[in-house]
N, C-alpha and C. Protein backbone atom coordinates (compact mmCIF):
# COMPACT_ATOMS: atom_id res chain seq x y z
N UNK A 1 0.87 -1.26 0.04
CA UNK A 1 0.04 -0.07 -0.04
C UNK A 1 0.77 1.49 0.05
N UNK A 2 0.28 2.24 -0.87
CA UNK A 2 1.30 3.34 -0.91
C UNK A 2 0.65 4.36 0.08
N UNK A 3 1.38 4.93 1.11
CA UNK A 3 0.98 5.69 2.22
C UNK A 3 1.30 7.37 1.68
N UNK A 4 0.44 8.35 1.84
CA UNK A 4 0.61 9.52 1.34
C UNK A 4 0.44 10.73 2.26
N UNK A 5 1.48 11.19 2.78
CA UNK A 5 1.47 12.06 3.98
C UNK A 5 1.04 13.55 3.74
N UNK A 6 1.77 14.05 2.67
CA UNK A 6 1.56 15.36 2.39
C UNK A 6 0.90 15.91 1.03
N UNK A 7 0.42 16.91 0.42
CA UNK A 7 -0.04 16.88 -0.77
C UNK A 7 1.44 17.21 -1.75
N UNK A 8 2.53 17.59 -1.10
CA UNK A 8 3.70 17.70 -1.87
C UNK A 8 4.16 16.28 -2.55
N UNK A 9 4.29 15.44 -1.62
CA UNK A 9 4.30 13.81 -1.63
C UNK A 9 3.37 13.23 -2.95
N UNK A 10 2.34 13.63 -2.97
CA UNK A 10 1.00 13.25 -3.91
C UNK A 10 1.61 14.03 -5.17
N UNK A 11 1.53 15.09 -4.83
CA UNK A 11 2.23 15.83 -6.60
C UNK A 11 3.58 15.45 -7.07
N UNK A 12 4.42 14.80 -6.42
CA UNK A 12 5.78 14.41 -6.73
C UNK A 12 5.52 13.12 -7.68
N UNK A 13 4.59 12.23 -6.77
CA UNK A 13 4.25 10.69 -7.16
C UNK A 13 3.42 10.95 -8.78
N UNK A 14 2.59 11.93 -8.50
CA UNK A 14 1.96 12.17 -9.46
C UNK A 14 3.15 12.57 -10.94
N UNK A 15 3.76 13.50 -10.60
CA UNK A 15 5.22 13.87 -11.52
C UNK A 15 5.53 12.60 -12.19
N UNK A 16 5.61 11.82 -11.36
CA UNK A 16 6.71 10.65 -11.58
C UNK A 16 5.83 9.20 -12.21
N UNK A 17 4.58 9.83 -12.32
CA UNK A 17 3.76 8.80 -13.30
C UNK A 17 2.96 7.55 -12.00
N UNK A 18 3.44 7.86 -10.93
CA UNK A 18 2.79 6.81 -10.14
C UNK A 18 1.68 7.18 -9.10
N UNK A 19 0.80 8.00 -9.56
CA UNK A 19 -0.49 8.46 -9.18
C UNK A 19 -1.31 9.15 -10.41
N UNK A 20 -2.35 8.41 -10.19
CA UNK A 20 -3.29 8.93 -11.23
C UNK A 20 -3.81 10.39 -10.92
N UNK A 21 -4.20 11.01 -12.15
CA UNK A 21 -4.53 12.25 -11.92
C UNK A 21 -5.98 12.60 -11.52
N UNK A 22 -7.05 11.75 -11.23
CA UNK A 22 -8.00 11.61 -10.63
C UNK A 22 -7.90 12.09 -8.99
N UNK A 23 -6.67 10.88 -8.52
CA UNK A 23 -6.28 10.65 -7.23
C UNK A 23 -5.84 12.10 -6.87
N UNK A 24 -4.55 12.67 -7.49
CA UNK A 24 -4.29 13.68 -6.79
C UNK A 24 -5.44 14.98 -6.99
N UNK A 25 -6.22 15.09 -7.99
CA UNK A 25 -6.92 16.40 -8.10
C UNK A 25 -8.38 16.01 -6.98
N UNK A 26 -8.32 14.64 -6.34
CA UNK A 26 -9.16 14.71 -5.27
C UNK A 26 -8.75 14.86 -3.90
N UNK A 27 -7.18 14.96 -4.02
CA UNK A 27 -6.46 14.84 -2.80
C UNK A 27 -6.29 16.46 -2.79
N UNK A 28 -6.16 17.28 -3.67
CA UNK A 28 -5.88 18.49 -3.84
C UNK A 28 -7.41 19.34 -3.52
N UNK A 29 -8.17 18.57 -3.95
CA UNK A 29 -9.34 19.44 -3.39
C UNK A 29 -10.05 19.18 -1.99
N UNK A 30 -9.73 18.35 -1.49
CA UNK A 30 -9.77 17.61 0.02
C UNK A 30 -8.97 18.69 0.76
N UNK A 31 -7.68 18.92 0.30
CA UNK A 31 -6.75 19.88 1.14
C UNK A 31 -7.28 21.45 0.83
N UNK A 32 -7.90 22.02 -0.39
CA UNK A 32 -8.32 23.20 -0.82
C UNK A 32 -9.16 23.57 0.23
N UNK A 33 -10.29 22.48 0.43
CA UNK A 33 -11.19 22.70 1.09
C UNK A 33 -11.20 22.98 2.81
N UNK A 34 -10.24 22.00 3.11
CA UNK A 34 -9.87 22.31 4.36
C UNK A 34 -9.48 23.70 5.03
N UNK A 35 -8.66 24.00 3.78
CA UNK A 35 -7.98 25.51 4.09
C UNK A 35 -8.42 26.68 3.46
N UNK A 36 -9.48 26.41 2.95
CA UNK A 36 -10.89 27.38 2.56
C UNK A 36 -9.65 28.07 1.73
N UNK A 37 -9.03 27.60 0.53
CA UNK A 37 -8.25 28.51 -0.30
C UNK A 37 -8.42 27.74 -1.38
N UNK A 38 -9.95 27.77 -1.93
CA UNK A 38 -10.16 27.23 -3.35
C UNK A 38 -10.19 28.54 -4.43
N UNK A 39 -9.83 28.01 -5.26
CA UNK A 39 -9.93 29.42 -6.30
C UNK A 39 -11.49 29.08 -6.97
N UNK A 40 -11.84 30.58 -7.54
CA UNK A 40 -13.50 30.71 -7.29
C UNK A 40 -13.70 29.73 -8.67
N UNK A 41 -13.04 29.40 -9.55
CA UNK A 41 -13.57 28.61 -10.70
C UNK A 41 -13.41 27.27 -10.54
N UNK A 42 -12.72 26.80 -9.24
CA UNK A 42 -13.08 25.03 -8.78
C UNK A 42 -14.06 25.25 -7.99
N UNK A 43 -15.20 24.04 -8.01
CA UNK A 43 -16.25 23.94 -7.55
C UNK A 43 -16.53 22.45 -7.12
N UNK A 44 -15.59 21.72 -7.72
CA UNK A 44 -15.09 20.06 -7.39
C UNK A 44 -14.09 19.98 -8.20
N UNK A 45 -13.34 18.30 -7.70
CA UNK A 45 -12.27 18.00 -7.69
C UNK A 45 -11.74 17.62 -9.31
N UNK A 46 -13.23 17.63 -10.39
CA UNK A 46 -12.66 17.77 -11.32
C UNK A 46 -12.59 18.63 -12.28
N UNK A 47 -12.78 19.94 -11.41
CA UNK A 47 -12.51 21.33 -12.05
C UNK A 47 -11.06 21.71 -12.07
N UNK A 48 -10.09 20.81 -11.15
CA UNK A 48 -8.85 21.11 -10.59
C UNK A 48 -7.76 20.58 -12.03
N UNK A 49 -7.13 21.52 -12.44
CA UNK A 49 -6.27 21.59 -13.83
C UNK A 49 -4.91 21.33 -13.27
N UNK A 50 -3.92 20.85 -14.44
CA UNK A 50 -2.54 20.68 -13.88
C UNK A 50 -1.75 22.15 -13.24
N UNK A 51 -2.55 23.47 -13.86
CA UNK A 51 -1.69 24.49 -13.73
C UNK A 51 -2.48 24.71 -11.94
N UNK A 52 -3.68 24.20 -11.24
CA UNK A 52 -3.88 24.26 -9.94
C UNK A 52 -3.10 23.70 -9.26
N UNK A 53 -2.72 22.27 -9.74
CA UNK A 53 -1.96 21.55 -8.88
C UNK A 53 -0.59 21.99 -8.74
N UNK A 54 0.33 22.88 -9.92
CA UNK A 54 1.73 23.28 -9.62
C UNK A 54 1.45 24.32 -8.63
N UNK A 55 0.29 25.07 -8.46
CA UNK A 55 0.23 26.44 -7.71
C UNK A 55 0.08 26.01 -6.38
N UNK A 56 -0.71 25.02 -6.18
CA UNK A 56 -0.95 24.35 -4.70
C UNK A 56 0.16 23.74 -4.34
N UNK A 57 1.01 22.98 -4.97
CA UNK A 57 2.48 22.51 -4.89
C UNK A 57 3.31 23.38 -3.93
N UNK A 58 3.25 25.04 -4.22
CA UNK A 58 3.92 26.04 -4.07
C UNK A 58 3.62 26.63 -2.72
N UNK A 59 2.47 25.90 -2.17
CA UNK A 59 1.84 26.87 -1.04
C UNK A 59 2.38 26.22 0.27
N UNK A 60 2.26 26.76 1.21
CA UNK A 60 2.36 26.49 2.27
C UNK A 60 1.44 25.28 3.12
N UNK A 61 0.22 24.70 2.76
CA UNK A 61 -0.41 24.28 3.03
C UNK A 61 0.09 22.30 2.24
N UNK A 62 0.85 22.60 0.80
CA UNK A 62 1.27 21.50 0.39
C UNK A 62 2.36 21.11 1.12
N UNK A 63 2.76 21.47 2.50
CA UNK A 63 3.75 20.68 3.16
C UNK A 63 3.05 20.25 4.81
N UNK A 64 1.71 20.52 4.53
CA UNK A 64 0.86 20.04 5.95
C UNK A 64 0.72 18.73 5.91
N UNK A 65 1.08 17.84 7.33
CA UNK A 65 0.57 16.83 7.38
C UNK A 65 -1.14 16.37 7.37
N UNK A 66 -1.06 15.38 6.49
CA UNK A 66 -2.58 14.79 6.32
C UNK A 66 -3.10 14.36 7.74
N UNK A 67 -2.59 13.74 8.35
CA UNK A 67 -2.62 12.97 9.55
C UNK A 67 -3.04 14.11 10.44
N UNK A 68 -2.29 15.23 10.74
CA UNK A 68 -2.42 16.15 11.56
C UNK A 68 -3.52 17.03 11.20
N UNK A 69 -3.60 17.34 9.93
CA UNK A 69 -4.54 18.54 9.49
C UNK A 69 -5.98 17.91 9.20
N UNK A 70 -6.07 16.89 8.25
CA UNK A 70 -7.30 16.11 7.98
C UNK A 70 -7.57 14.95 8.38
N UNK A 71 -6.74 14.46 9.70
CA UNK A 71 -7.43 13.71 10.45
C UNK A 71 -6.58 12.17 9.97
N UNK A 72 -6.01 11.85 9.04
CA UNK A 72 -5.26 10.59 8.40
C UNK A 72 -4.73 11.16 7.31
N UNK A 73 -3.83 9.92 7.01
CA UNK A 73 -3.17 9.94 5.48
C UNK A 73 -4.06 9.24 4.54
N UNK A 74 -3.74 9.65 3.06
CA UNK A 74 -4.08 9.20 2.14
C UNK A 74 -3.36 7.57 1.66
N UNK A 75 -4.40 6.61 1.07
CA UNK A 75 -3.87 5.44 0.98
C UNK A 75 -3.89 4.91 -0.32
N UNK A 76 -3.32 4.16 -1.43
CA UNK A 76 -3.24 3.50 -2.33
C UNK A 76 -3.60 2.26 -2.06
N UNK A 77 -4.32 1.76 -2.35
CA UNK A 77 -4.34 0.21 -1.93
C UNK A 77 -3.67 -0.31 -3.17
N UNK A 78 -2.88 -1.61 -3.13
CA UNK A 78 -2.38 -2.10 -4.36
C UNK A 78 -2.41 -3.64 -4.55
N UNK A 79 -2.99 -4.10 -3.24
CA UNK A 79 -3.05 -6.00 -3.26
C UNK A 79 -4.51 -6.07 -2.14
N UNK A 80 -4.96 -7.37 -2.41
CA UNK A 80 -6.11 -7.79 -1.45
C UNK A 80 -5.86 -7.58 -0.13
N UNK A 81 -4.85 -7.97 0.19
CA UNK A 81 -4.36 -7.62 1.85
C UNK A 81 -4.11 -6.24 2.13
N UNK A 82 -4.19 -5.34 1.26
CA UNK A 82 -4.42 -3.82 1.75
C UNK A 82 -5.97 -3.52 1.84
N UNK A 83 -6.57 -4.17 1.53
CA UNK A 83 -8.38 -3.80 1.84
C UNK A 83 -8.70 -3.90 3.34
N UNK A 84 -7.94 -4.75 3.99
CA UNK A 84 -8.31 -5.02 5.21
C UNK A 84 -8.20 -3.97 6.15
N UNK A 85 -7.48 -3.12 5.43
CA UNK A 85 -6.89 -1.63 6.34
C UNK A 85 -7.91 -1.14 6.35
N UNK A 86 -9.19 -0.88 5.33
CA UNK A 86 -9.96 -0.18 5.15
C UNK A 86 -11.29 -0.43 6.24
N UNK A 87 -11.20 0.15 7.20
CA UNK A 87 -12.15 -0.23 8.19
C UNK A 87 -13.34 0.63 8.20
N UNK A 88 -14.46 -0.14 8.72
CA UNK A 88 -15.66 0.52 8.73
C UNK A 88 -16.29 0.85 9.79
N UNK A 89 -17.48 1.22 9.93
CA UNK A 89 -17.97 1.49 11.83
C UNK A 89 -19.15 0.60 11.79
N UNK A 90 -18.95 -0.66 12.66
CA UNK A 90 -20.24 -1.49 12.84
C UNK A 90 -19.86 -1.94 14.30
N UNK A 91 -20.27 -1.04 15.58
CA UNK A 91 -20.26 -1.46 16.86
C UNK A 91 -20.47 -3.02 16.86
N UNK A 92 -21.75 -3.57 16.35
CA UNK A 92 -21.98 -4.82 16.70
C UNK A 92 -21.07 -5.76 16.24
N UNK A 93 -20.60 -5.88 15.09
CA UNK A 93 -19.46 -6.35 14.35
C UNK A 93 -18.39 -6.46 15.20
N UNK A 94 -17.68 -5.10 15.66
CA UNK A 94 -16.50 -5.30 16.46
C UNK A 94 -16.53 -6.09 18.07
N UNK A 95 -17.81 -5.97 18.28
CA UNK A 95 -17.86 -6.64 19.67
C UNK A 95 -17.81 -7.76 19.13
N UNK A 96 -18.31 -8.46 18.46
CA UNK A 96 -18.49 -10.19 17.87
C UNK A 96 -17.03 -10.21 17.88
N UNK A 97 -16.37 -9.85 16.72
CA UNK A 97 -15.37 -10.12 16.22
C UNK A 97 -14.05 -9.67 16.85
N UNK A 98 -14.24 -8.48 17.73
CA UNK A 98 -12.55 -7.95 18.08
C UNK A 98 -12.21 -7.27 17.63
N UNK A 99 -12.87 -6.38 16.45
CA UNK A 99 -12.19 -5.67 15.46
C UNK A 99 -13.19 -5.01 14.59
N UNK A 100 -13.01 -4.05 14.03
CA UNK A 100 -13.94 -3.21 13.31
C UNK A 100 -13.91 -3.95 11.84
N UNK A 101 -14.88 -3.71 10.79
CA UNK A 101 -15.34 -5.06 10.31
C UNK A 101 -14.28 -3.89 8.88
N UNK A 102 -14.05 -4.74 7.65
CA UNK A 102 -13.29 -4.10 6.54
C UNK A 102 -14.33 -4.12 5.24
N UNK A 103 -13.45 -3.65 4.38
CA UNK A 103 -14.54 -3.50 3.34
C UNK A 103 -14.69 -5.04 2.69
N UNK A 104 -14.11 -5.80 2.91
CA UNK A 104 -14.01 -7.14 2.34
C UNK A 104 -15.29 -7.79 3.48
N UNK A 105 -15.26 -7.53 4.63
CA UNK A 105 -16.22 -8.28 5.15
C UNK A 105 -17.73 -8.15 5.11
N UNK A 106 -18.17 -7.00 4.96
CA UNK A 106 -19.79 -6.97 4.45
C UNK A 106 -19.84 -5.23 3.89
N UNK A 107 -20.61 -5.39 3.31
CA UNK A 107 -21.24 -3.94 2.77
C UNK A 107 -21.41 -2.94 4.28
N UNK A 108 -21.19 -1.45 3.67
CA UNK A 108 -21.36 -0.66 4.84
C UNK A 108 -21.54 0.87 4.53
N UNK A 109 -22.40 1.42 5.28
CA UNK A 109 -22.24 2.99 5.05
C UNK A 109 -20.89 3.62 5.51
N UNK A 110 -20.43 4.39 4.42
CA UNK A 110 -19.26 5.54 5.00
C UNK A 110 -19.53 6.94 4.73
N UNK A 111 -18.68 7.60 5.48
CA UNK A 111 -18.92 9.12 5.23
C UNK A 111 -18.43 9.46 3.44
N UNK A 112 -17.56 8.99 2.93
CA UNK A 112 -17.37 9.07 1.65
C UNK A 112 -17.32 7.54 1.03
N UNK A 113 -18.11 7.44 -0.15
CA UNK A 113 -17.94 6.03 -0.76
C UNK A 113 -18.27 6.60 -2.07
N UNK A 114 -17.42 6.99 -3.30
CA UNK A 114 -18.00 6.99 -4.31
C UNK A 114 -16.40 6.32 -5.71
N UNK A 115 -17.32 6.63 -6.82
CA UNK A 115 -16.20 6.45 -7.91
C UNK A 115 -15.65 7.55 -8.28
N UNK A 116 -14.32 7.71 -8.33
CA UNK A 116 -13.18 8.58 -8.60
C UNK A 116 -13.98 8.99 -10.26
N UNK A 117 -13.64 8.18 -10.94
CA UNK A 117 -13.84 7.68 -12.29
C UNK A 117 -13.68 6.56 -12.66
N UNK A 118 -13.61 5.81 -13.60
CA UNK A 118 -13.79 4.57 -13.99
C UNK A 118 -12.58 3.56 -13.53
N UNK A 119 -11.55 3.86 -12.89
CA UNK A 119 -10.63 3.14 -12.60
C UNK A 119 -10.32 3.01 -11.08
N UNK A 120 -10.85 3.95 -10.31
CA UNK A 120 -10.91 4.44 -8.70
C UNK A 120 -11.86 4.61 -7.88
N UNK A 121 -11.96 3.82 -6.80
CA UNK A 121 -13.36 4.30 -6.06
C UNK A 121 -12.41 4.81 -4.79
N UNK A 122 -13.07 5.39 -3.74
CA UNK A 122 -12.60 6.20 -2.62
C UNK A 122 -13.28 5.76 -1.49
N UNK A 123 -13.22 5.30 -0.28
CA UNK A 123 -13.74 5.25 0.84
C UNK A 123 -12.90 5.80 2.21
N UNK A 124 -13.55 6.38 3.01
CA UNK A 124 -13.11 7.18 4.11
C UNK A 124 -14.43 7.10 5.22
N UNK A 125 -13.86 7.03 6.53
CA UNK A 125 -14.56 6.91 7.48
C UNK A 125 -14.29 8.62 8.46
N UNK A 126 -15.25 9.19 9.08
CA UNK A 126 -14.69 10.25 9.74
C UNK A 126 -14.34 9.61 11.14
N UNK A 127 -13.34 9.42 11.91
CA UNK A 127 -13.14 8.46 12.80
C UNK A 127 -12.67 9.74 14.10
N UNK A 128 -12.75 11.31 13.44
CA UNK A 128 -12.44 12.12 14.75
C UNK A 128 -12.68 13.48 14.37
N UNK A 129 -12.53 14.15 15.24
CA UNK A 129 -13.13 15.67 14.58
C UNK A 129 -12.26 16.25 13.08
N UNK A 130 -11.08 15.80 12.93
CA UNK A 130 -10.35 16.01 11.75
C UNK A 130 -10.58 15.84 10.27
N UNK A 131 -11.10 14.45 10.49
CA UNK A 131 -11.50 13.55 9.39
C UNK A 131 -11.19 12.27 9.90
N UNK A 132 -10.28 11.33 9.16
CA UNK A 132 -10.15 10.25 8.77
C UNK A 132 -9.30 9.93 7.71
N UNK A 133 -8.67 8.65 7.69
CA UNK A 133 -7.88 8.33 6.41
C UNK A 133 -8.72 8.08 5.44
N UNK A 134 -8.03 8.56 4.29
CA UNK A 134 -8.85 8.02 3.25
C UNK A 134 -8.18 7.31 2.09
N UNK A 135 -9.09 5.97 1.60
CA UNK A 135 -8.47 5.17 0.78
C UNK A 135 -8.91 5.11 -0.44
N UNK A 136 -7.98 4.75 -1.77
CA UNK A 136 -8.17 4.73 -3.24
C UNK A 136 -8.25 3.52 -3.57
N UNK A 137 -8.86 3.04 -4.07
CA UNK A 137 -9.18 1.43 -4.62
C UNK A 137 -9.24 1.29 -6.13
N UNK A 138 -8.33 0.61 -6.67
CA UNK A 138 -8.20 0.68 -8.21
C UNK A 138 -9.32 -0.58 -8.49
N UNK A 139 -9.86 -0.28 -9.77
CA UNK A 139 -10.47 -1.42 -10.04
C UNK A 139 -10.40 -2.72 -10.05
N UNK A 140 -8.86 -3.18 -9.97
CA UNK A 140 -8.83 -4.34 -9.94
C UNK A 140 -9.14 -4.90 -9.07
N UNK A 141 -9.18 -4.35 -7.90
CA UNK A 141 -9.85 -5.08 -6.50
C UNK A 141 -10.80 -4.46 -6.23
N UNK A 142 -11.83 -4.14 -6.75
CA UNK A 142 -13.30 -4.10 -6.65
C UNK A 142 -13.75 -5.12 -6.55
N UNK A 143 -13.65 -6.38 -7.03
CA UNK A 143 -14.77 -7.48 -6.49
C UNK A 143 -14.46 -7.78 -5.22
N UNK A 144 -13.15 -7.82 -4.93
CA UNK A 144 -12.42 -8.46 -3.44
C UNK A 144 -13.15 -7.47 -2.46
N UNK A 145 -13.30 -6.16 -2.68
CA UNK A 145 -13.48 -4.83 -1.93
C UNK A 145 -15.14 -4.70 -1.85
N UNK A 146 -15.97 -5.47 -2.71
CA UNK A 146 -17.19 -5.46 -2.52
C UNK A 146 -18.06 -4.02 -2.91
N UNK A 147 -17.11 -3.21 -3.74
CA UNK A 147 -17.20 -2.14 -4.09
C UNK A 147 -19.00 -1.68 -4.27
N UNK A 148 -19.22 -2.51 -5.67
CA UNK A 148 -20.75 -2.17 -6.02
C UNK A 148 -21.82 -2.25 -4.74
N UNK A 149 -21.51 -3.23 -3.94
CA UNK A 149 -22.26 -3.18 -2.75
C UNK A 149 -22.26 -2.08 -1.90
N UNK A 150 -20.95 -1.76 -1.58
CA UNK A 150 -20.70 -0.44 -0.79
C UNK A 150 -21.48 0.78 -1.90
N UNK A 151 -21.41 0.58 -2.79
CA UNK A 151 -22.15 1.98 -3.51
C UNK A 151 -23.27 2.07 -3.20
N UNK A 152 -23.95 0.79 -3.61
CA UNK A 152 -25.19 0.62 -3.41
C UNK A 152 -26.09 1.28 -2.09
N UNK A 153 -25.35 1.06 -1.05
CA UNK A 153 -25.77 0.99 0.37
C UNK A 153 -25.63 2.90 0.47
N UNK A 154 -24.33 3.30 0.16
CA UNK A 154 -24.40 4.27 0.03
C UNK A 154 -25.04 5.38 -0.96
N UNK A 155 -25.55 5.31 -1.79
CA UNK A 155 -26.30 6.05 -2.92
C UNK A 155 -27.71 5.60 -2.74
N UNK A 156 -28.62 5.02 -1.57
CA UNK A 156 -29.84 4.56 -1.26
C UNK A 156 -30.33 5.81 -0.87
C-alpha cells in the first residue's frame, strides 16, 4: 500500500507517473477545502487542472501533514491484503469479532464512498474531529472490496 502524508508527496508521485490524475485532483480538492483556499473557478475535484496542482504544490499547505490536518493520511491500495486496512464503523461487528469490519467483510455505510472515475473508488470514515484516512481502491480490486455493494448502500 502506498501511504501519502502530504500534498507535496502526492504531487511528486503524480509527476513521476505513480499516481493517477483523478487521485491527485481529489487530494488537492480535499486540502483546498480544508484550508478554505479554493480558487473561484473550482467547484469540484474534476475542475482542478495541472496549473492548479502546480500552484498548490508551492503553497504552505502542500507541506501540511494529512494525519494532523485532515485526520488521516491517504492510501493507495495495491493488493487484496491492503483492503483489510479499510475499516468501517459497525459496533455490533466489532463486539462480536474483536475488530472493526473492513470492506471485504460486509457492505457498509461510509462518510465517503464514490467512484472517482472508471478506475478508482474512494472510501473514508470520519473517525475524529479532523477527519480520517482516505483509501483509493483500483478497479482490479473492486470485486474483492465489494465496491458495488458499498456503492449501492451509500447511494440509497
